[in-house]
Amino acid sequence: MKPFTIILPIKGTDEEFKFMGKSIPSAVKINPDQILFGLDYPLKSDIVTKIDQLMKKCNYSNYLVIPVKNDGSWNFQLANIIWNLYRLSKNDIILSFDIDSILRNEVMLGLDKIGENKTALISFTKKLLMKSIGGLIRYSSYRLRVRTTDYVFSGVYWIYRPYFFDLVILSKYKKIINGVDTYLCKRILSKDNDYTMITRKEKGVNAMSPQNEDLDWRQFQDGVWLGANEKNWLKIRKEKHEKQHRILMKSNTTKSKFKLFIDRNKVKLFNNHPRFFVFVMAFMYNRWKIMSGYSWAKNNLISEAVLTAKKTDRDDWGFNGNRFFRDMKFKDRGTGYD
């Protein structure tokens, strides 16, 4: 088996302290050559003690706790920590996942292919948390999207370090406020390099908490972008469906005719009533704050936030858009907001 390093950033919240008891043993279980824990400087002694206790219980000694200080040049401390953990890893093959996740054995399916044929990243899907009907609906919609698309990114992935440092532009990486993984994927998918990424549809982890995209402020921020860019995304969706229509029209089966009928009426409905599309999205993923953000944008069309969102693609808005909503009160804050 190829040697590899697992990196695990830990912020040190009370919730994370509880998660460590399951996530860290799951990391040891897949037999990494090294585990690196990235913590804010100065170190919190209770977290270090907890890590040491867990490592001793798991009979694992090949680990390092690395304090990472922010010199003021990083907008997002998590990006700073990840950059330094990658730099200090003794292996080029690295597995990255979150402290609120439990690794599954399926994640090992990516080890042999990472780094080969310009493969920079191999991502897996997640088994999301389901503690309510809304959570079940969200997870069902997520698995449907996994089945019907080639690109699904979840935050648990293998990365090949030489390609990472070739891809990431440090000056721009330092400027992001959120979305470390999204930035990396965007760089891989850009046209100015020949690296590739693979999305495996197997579940690589079991999530123990809501995802970052499910936090109230992230939902609201996404809704603002949808409200600000309504004409653009409606046009893109229409063009996508028109392409699909041309394919369906070549088939004369009853199934294709029925699908074409449904699809055409769906496009017509959403184009005439875009708010209904946003409602459907909010329902499918149980992200009702998207509706609030969308309405806020429609009611504040000349605000700096909306005018900026109009000039920003959705990924870049995810990196930096939250700076406009710092003074708003949200139930959930978490990574990228605090």
Protein backbone atom coordinates (compact mmCIF):
# COMPACT_ATOMS: atom_id res chain seq x y z
CA MET A 1 0.00 0.00 0.00
CA LYS A 2 1.26 3.48 -0.88
CA PRO A 3 2.21 5.60 2.16
CA PHE A 4 -0.07 8.55 2.75
CA THR A 5 -0.72 11.33 5.23
CA ILE A 6 -4.07 12.31 6.72
CA ILE A 7 -4.53 15.97 7.59
CA LEU A 8 -7.16 17.04 10.10
CA PRO A 9 -7.70 20.72 11.00
CA ILE A 10 -9.33 21.27 14.40
CA LYS A 11 -10.73 24.63 15.45
CA GLY A 12 -11.48 23.52 18.97
CA THR A 13 -15.19 24.16 19.47
CA ASP A 14 -17.15 22.16 22.06
CA GLU A 15 -18.86 20.27 19.23
CA GLU A 16 -15.56 19.35 17.61
CA PHE A 17 -14.26 18.14 20.96
CA LYS A 18 -17.07 15.58 20.97
CA PHE A 19 -16.55 14.62 17.31
CA MET A 20 -12.86 13.85 17.87
CA GLY A 21 -13.71 10.67 19.77
CA LYS A 22 -15.12 9.12 16.58
CA SER A 23 -13.34 10.90 13.70
CA ILE A 24 -9.77 10.37 14.93
CA PRO A 25 -10.11 6.58 15.55
CA SER A 26 -11.64 6.27 12.08
CA ALA A 27 -8.52 7.93 10.65
CA VAL A 28 -6.21 5.54 12.50
CA LYS A 29 -8.28 2.56 11.35
CA ILE A 30 -7.35 2.99 7.66
CA ASN A 31 -3.64 2.79 8.58
CA PRO A 32 -2.10 6.07 7.37
CA ASP A 33 1.67 6.53 7.42
CA GLN A 34 1.18 9.86 9.23
CA ILE A 35 -1.56 12.03 10.73
CA LEU A 36 -1.15 15.80 11.01
CA PHE A 37 -3.45 17.83 13.26
CA GLY A 38 -3.63 21.54 12.48
CA LEU A 39 -4.63 23.86 15.34
CA ASP A 40 -4.71 27.60 15.84
CA TYR A 41 -1.80 29.19 17.65
CA PRO A 42 -1.57 29.43 20.61
CA LEU A 43 -2.50 25.82 21.26
CA LYS A 44 -5.40 24.89 23.51
CA SER A 45 -4.04 22.40 26.02
CA ASP A 46 -7.33 20.50 26.40
CA ILE A 47 -7.42 19.70 22.66
CA VAL A 48 -3.80 18.53 22.62
CA THR A 49 -4.48 16.36 25.70
CA LYS A 50 -7.56 14.87 24.02
CA ILE A 51 -5.57 14.06 20.85
CA ASP A 52 -2.77 12.45 22.87
CA GLN A 53 -5.28 10.34 24.83
CA LEU A 54 -7.02 9.14 21.68
CA MET A 55 -3.73 8.33 19.96
CA LYS A 56 -2.57 6.34 22.96
CA LYS A 57 -5.88 4.47 23.10
CA CYS A 58 -5.57 3.66 19.38
CA ASN A 59 -1.91 2.63 19.85
CA TYR A 60 -0.81 5.08 17.15
CA SER A 61 2.31 7.25 17.43
CA ASN A 62 3.00 8.65 13.93
CA TYR A 63 1.23 11.95 14.45
CA LEU A 64 2.09 15.61 14.92
CA VAL A 65 0.09 18.48 16.41
CA ILE A 66 0.99 21.59 14.42
CA PRO A 67 0.15 25.09 15.72
CA VAL A 68 -0.45 27.55 12.88
CA LYS A 69 -0.17 31.27 13.52
CA ASN A 70 -1.91 33.81 11.32
CA ASP A 71 0.52 36.59 10.44
CA GLY A 72 -2.34 38.81 9.26
CA SER A 73 -1.95 38.00 5.56
CA TRP A 74 -4.63 35.27 5.55
CA ASN A 75 -8.34 36.13 5.37
CA PHE A 76 -9.34 32.54 6.18
CA GLN A 77 -7.42 30.71 8.91
CA LEU A 78 -8.54 27.29 7.66
CA ALA A 79 -6.81 27.95 4.34
CA ASN A 80 -3.68 28.94 6.26
CA ILE A 81 -3.77 25.72 8.29
CA ILE A 82 -4.31 23.49 5.26
CA TRP A 83 -1.49 25.18 3.33
CA ASN A 84 0.91 24.56 6.21
CA LEU A 85 -0.21 20.97 6.81
CA TYR A 86 0.31 20.14 3.14
CA ARG A 87 3.71 21.78 3.26
CA LEU A 88 4.80 19.80 6.34
CA SER A 89 3.46 16.41 5.24
CA LYS A 90 6.18 13.81 4.72
CA ASN A 91 4.14 12.21 1.92
CA ASP A 92 2.92 13.60 -1.40
CA ILE A 93 -0.31 11.60 -1.21
CA ILE A 94 -2.66 13.25 1.26
CA LEU A 95 -6.18 12.45 2.45
CA SER A 96 -8.18 15.43 3.68
CA PHE A 97 -11.42 15.25 5.63
CA ASP A 98 -13.30 17.12 8.36
CA ILE A 99 -13.33 16.60 12.11
CA ASP A 100 -17.14 16.19 12.04
CA SER A 101 -16.91 13.11 9.80
CA ILE A 102 -16.24 9.41 10.30
CA LEU A 103 -14.10 7.84 7.58
CA ARG A 104 -15.49 4.77 5.82
CA ASN A 105 -13.40 1.99 4.27
CA GLU A 106 -14.65 2.97 0.80
CA VAL A 107 -12.39 6.02 0.87
CA MET A 108 -9.39 3.73 0.26
CA LEU A 109 -10.63 3.18 -3.31
CA GLY A 110 -8.93 6.44 -4.27
CA LEU A 111 -5.43 5.69 -3.02
CA ASP A 112 -4.01 3.86 -6.05
CA LYS A 113 -5.18 6.37 -8.67
CA ILE A 114 -4.26 9.69 -7.06
CA GLY A 115 -1.28 11.36 -8.77
CA GLU A 116 -1.52 9.15 -11.86
CA ASN A 117 -2.28 10.60 -15.31
CA LYS A 118 -2.42 14.15 -13.94
CA THR A 119 -5.13 13.21 -11.42
CA ALA A 120 -4.83 15.95 -8.82
CA LEU A 121 -7.88 15.13 -6.71
CA ILE A 122 -10.21 12.20 -6.06
CA SER A 123 -13.35 13.10 -4.13
CA PHE A 124 -15.99 10.95 -2.46
CA THR A 125 -19.57 11.64 -1.45
CA LYS A 126 -20.98 11.72 2.09
CA LYS A 127 -23.66 10.01 4.08
CA LEU A 128 -25.32 13.15 5.40
CA LEU A 129 -26.80 13.61 8.83
CA MET A 130 -30.49 12.68 9.01
CA LYS A 131 -32.15 13.68 12.28
CA SER A 132 -35.43 14.98 10.89
CA ILE A 133 -37.81 14.68 7.95
CA GLY A 134 -36.08 17.73 6.46
CA GLY A 135 -32.72 16.01 6.79
CA LEU A 136 -34.09 12.91 5.07
CA ILE A 137 -35.49 15.00 2.20
CA ARG A 138 -32.14 16.81 1.86
CA TYR A 139 -30.17 13.57 1.80
CA SER A 140 -32.53 11.97 -0.73
CA SER A 141 -32.15 15.00 -3.03
CA TYR A 142 -28.38 14.87 -2.58
CA ARG A 143 -28.20 11.18 -3.52
CA LEU A 144 -30.38 11.86 -6.56
CA ARG A 145 -27.94 14.58 -7.64
CA VAL A 146 -25.04 12.16 -7.06
CA ARG A 147 -26.70 9.66 -9.41
CA THR A 148 -27.42 12.16 -12.17
CA THR A 149 -24.25 14.26 -12.36
CA ASP A 150 -20.56 13.61 -12.96
CA TYR A 151 -19.28 16.28 -10.58
CA VAL A 152 -20.13 16.10 -6.89
CA PHE A 153 -17.72 17.43 -4.27
CA SER A 154 -18.06 16.69 -0.57
CA GLY A 155 -14.93 17.76 1.31
CA VAL A 156 -13.41 14.29 1.72
CA TYR A 157 -10.76 13.79 -0.93
CA TRP A 158 -7.31 12.59 -1.88
CA ILE A 159 -4.92 15.26 -3.10
CA TYR A 160 -1.51 14.92 -4.76
CA ARG A 161 0.69 17.56 -3.14
CA PRO A 162 2.96 18.53 -6.09
CA TYR A 163 -0.14 19.26 -8.17
CA PHE A 164 -1.75 21.22 -5.31
CA PHE A 165 1.17 23.63 -5.04
CA ASP A 166 1.30 23.96 -8.82
CA LEU A 167 -2.41 24.77 -9.00
CA VAL A 168 -2.92 27.09 -6.06
CA ILE A 169 -2.05 30.75 -6.53
CA LEU A 170 -0.97 31.73 -3.03
CA SER A 171 -1.82 35.44 -3.31
CA LYS A 172 -5.41 34.58 -4.32
CA TYR A 173 -5.67 31.68 -1.90
CA LYS A 174 -4.88 34.04 0.96
CA LYS A 175 -7.73 36.34 -0.02
CA ILE A 176 -10.61 33.87 0.18
CA ILE A 177 -12.92 34.15 3.20
CA ASN A 178 -14.58 30.75 2.72
CA GLY A 179 -14.55 27.77 0.37
CA VAL A 180 -11.10 26.16 0.49
CA ASP A 181 -12.33 23.05 -1.34
CA THR A 182 -14.35 25.05 -3.86
CA TYR A 183 -11.32 27.18 -4.72
CA LEU A 184 -9.22 24.05 -5.30
CA CYS A 185 -11.85 22.43 -7.53
CA LYS A 186 -12.23 25.62 -9.53
CA ARG A 187 -8.49 25.73 -10.14
CA ILE A 188 -8.42 22.11 -11.30
CA LEU A 189 -11.37 22.63 -13.64
CA SER A 190 -9.96 25.86 -15.11
CA LYS A 191 -8.67 25.85 -18.69
CA ASP A 192 -5.13 26.99 -17.86
CA ASN A 193 -3.92 23.56 -16.69
CA ASP A 194 -4.24 19.92 -17.72
CA TYR A 195 -4.92 18.40 -14.31
CA THR A 196 -8.04 16.35 -13.68
CA MET A 197 -10.24 15.40 -10.77
CA ILE A 198 -12.32 12.29 -10.25
CA THR A 199 -15.61 12.16 -8.36
CA ARG A 200 -16.27 8.74 -6.91
CA LYS A 201 -19.90 8.25 -5.95
CA GLU A 202 -19.21 5.92 -3.05
CA LYS A 203 -19.75 7.37 0.41
CA GLY A 204 -16.33 8.18 1.87
CA VAL A 205 -17.53 9.42 5.27
CA ASN A 206 -20.50 9.55 7.60
CA ALA A 207 -21.24 13.17 8.56
CA MET A 208 -21.91 13.94 12.22
CA SER A 209 -23.12 17.54 11.75
CA PRO A 210 -24.81 19.73 9.12
CA GLN A 211 -22.68 20.67 6.12
CA ASN A 212 -21.26 24.16 5.67
CA GLU A 213 -23.70 24.80 2.81
CA ASP A 214 -26.57 24.03 5.17
CA LEU A 215 -25.67 26.72 7.70
CA ASP A 216 -28.15 29.61 7.84
CA TRP A 217 -25.72 32.28 6.65
CA ARG A 218 -24.52 30.15 3.71
CA GLN A 219 -28.11 29.53 2.64
CA PHE A 220 -28.91 33.24 2.89
CA GLN A 221 -25.79 34.19 0.95
CA ASP A 222 -26.64 31.73 -1.83
CA GLY A 223 -30.17 33.11 -2.01
CA VAL A 224 -28.79 36.63 -2.44
CA TRP A 225 -26.72 35.47 -5.41
CA LEU A 226 -29.77 33.80 -6.99
CA GLY A 227 -31.79 36.99 -6.57
CA ALA A 228 -29.02 39.19 -7.96
CA ASN A 229 -28.33 36.96 -10.98
CA GLU A 230 -31.83 35.76 -11.79
CA LYS A 231 -31.71 36.52 -15.53
CA ASN A 232 -28.34 34.88 -15.99
CA TRP A 233 -29.07 31.56 -14.30
CA LEU A 234 -32.49 31.34 -15.93
CA LYS A 235 -30.80 31.77 -19.31
CA ILE A 236 -28.18 29.11 -18.53
CA ARG A 237 -30.85 26.68 -17.35
CA LYS A 238 -32.90 27.32 -20.49
CA GLU A 239 -29.91 26.68 -22.76
CA LYS A 240 -29.10 23.49 -20.88
CA HIS A 241 -32.64 22.20 -21.24
CA GLU A 242 -32.80 23.15 -24.93
CA LYS A 243 -29.74 21.00 -25.51
CA GLN A 244 -31.42 18.16 -23.66
CA HIS A 245 -34.58 18.69 -25.70
CA ARG A 246 -32.68 18.25 -28.97
CA ILE A 247 -31.36 14.92 -27.71
CA LEU A 248 -34.81 13.74 -26.58
CA MET A 249 -36.43 14.75 -29.89
CA LYS A 250 -34.17 12.32 -31.75
CA SER A 251 -35.79 9.48 -29.85
CA ASN A 252 -39.34 8.50 -30.69
CA THR A 253 -40.05 6.38 -27.62
CA THR A 254 -43.03 7.01 -25.35
CA LYS A 255 -40.67 7.53 -22.42
CA SER A 256 -38.65 10.23 -24.21
CA LYS A 257 -41.83 11.99 -25.38
CA PHE A 258 -43.20 12.06 -21.85
CA LYS A 259 -39.89 13.31 -20.45
CA LEU A 260 -39.77 16.02 -23.11
CA PHE A 261 -43.31 17.12 -22.22
CA ILE A 262 -42.48 17.32 -18.50
CA ASP A 263 -39.19 19.09 -19.11
CA ARG A 264 -40.65 21.73 -21.41
CA ASN A 265 -43.41 22.59 -18.98
CA LYS A 266 -40.95 22.68 -16.10
CA VAL A 267 -38.73 25.14 -17.98
CA LYS A 268 -41.74 27.28 -18.85
CA LEU A 269 -42.94 27.28 -15.24
CA PHE A 270 -39.54 28.21 -13.79
CA ASN A 271 -38.91 30.93 -16.38
CA ASN A 272 -42.28 32.53 -15.71
CA HIS A 273 -42.02 32.05 -11.94
CA PRO A 274 -38.34 32.00 -10.86
CA ARG A 275 -39.33 32.39 -7.22
CA PHE A 276 -41.02 29.00 -7.47
CA PHE A 277 -37.75 27.47 -8.67
CA VAL A 278 -35.97 28.92 -5.64
CA PHE A 279 -38.75 27.50 -3.45
CA VAL A 280 -38.28 24.03 -4.99
CA MET A 281 -34.53 24.25 -4.36
CA ALA A 282 -35.14 25.33 -0.75
CA PHE A 283 -37.57 22.44 -0.25
CA MET A 284 -35.38 19.76 -1.87
CA TYR A 285 -32.32 20.62 0.21
CA ASN A 286 -34.17 21.85 3.31
CA ARG A 287 -32.43 25.22 2.99
CA TRP A 288 -35.23 27.68 3.66
CA LYS A 289 -32.92 30.64 4.28
CA ILE A 290 -32.26 30.61 0.52
CA MET A 291 -35.75 32.08 0.18
CA SER A 292 -34.91 34.82 2.70
CA GLY A 293 -31.71 35.71 0.86
CA TYR A 294 -33.47 35.72 -2.50
CA SER A 295 -36.19 38.04 -1.20
CA TRP A 296 -33.61 40.30 0.45
CA ALA A 297 -31.77 40.66 -2.86
CA LYS A 298 -34.97 41.50 -4.76
CA ASN A 299 -35.77 44.15 -2.17
CA ASN A 300 -32.25 45.62 -2.11
CA LEU A 301 -31.28 45.71 -5.77
CA ILE A 302 -29.01 48.74 -5.44
CA SER A 303 -27.22 47.57 -2.28
CA GLU A 304 -23.47 47.01 -2.46
CA ALA A 305 -24.00 43.30 -1.76
CA VAL A 306 -26.38 42.76 -4.69
CA LEU A 307 -24.35 44.90 -7.09
CA THR A 308 -21.23 42.93 -6.17
CA ALA A 309 -23.05 39.59 -6.52
CA LYS A 310 -24.11 40.57 -10.05
CA LYS A 311 -20.47 40.90 -11.05
CA THR A 312 -19.35 37.70 -9.29
CA ASP A 313 -19.73 34.07 -10.29
CA ARG A 314 -21.36 31.74 -7.79
CA ASP A 315 -18.14 30.13 -6.56
CA ASP A 316 -16.35 33.44 -6.01
CA TRP A 317 -19.43 34.75 -4.21
CA GLY A 318 -19.19 31.72 -1.92
CA PHE A 319 -15.54 32.63 -1.19
CA ASN A 320 -16.13 36.26 -0.27
CA GLY A 321 -19.83 37.20 -0.20
CA ASN A 322 -20.35 36.73 3.53
CA ARG A 323 -18.46 39.96 4.31
CA PHE A 324 -21.64 41.87 3.47
CA PHE A 325 -23.70 40.06 6.11
CA ARG A 326 -21.43 40.11 9.14
CA ASP A 327 -23.84 42.26 11.13
CA MET A 328 -26.84 40.01 10.52
CA LYS A 329 -27.84 37.52 13.17
CA PHE A 330 -27.91 33.86 12.15
CA LYS A 331 -28.60 30.84 14.28
CA ASP A 332 -25.67 28.90 12.85
CA ARG A 333 -22.33 30.55 12.16
CA GLY A 334 -19.43 28.09 11.87
CA THR A 335 -16.59 27.78 9.37
CA GLY A 336 -16.19 30.76 7.06
CA TYR A 337 -18.35 33.11 9.14
CA ASP A 338 -16.59 33.47 12.48
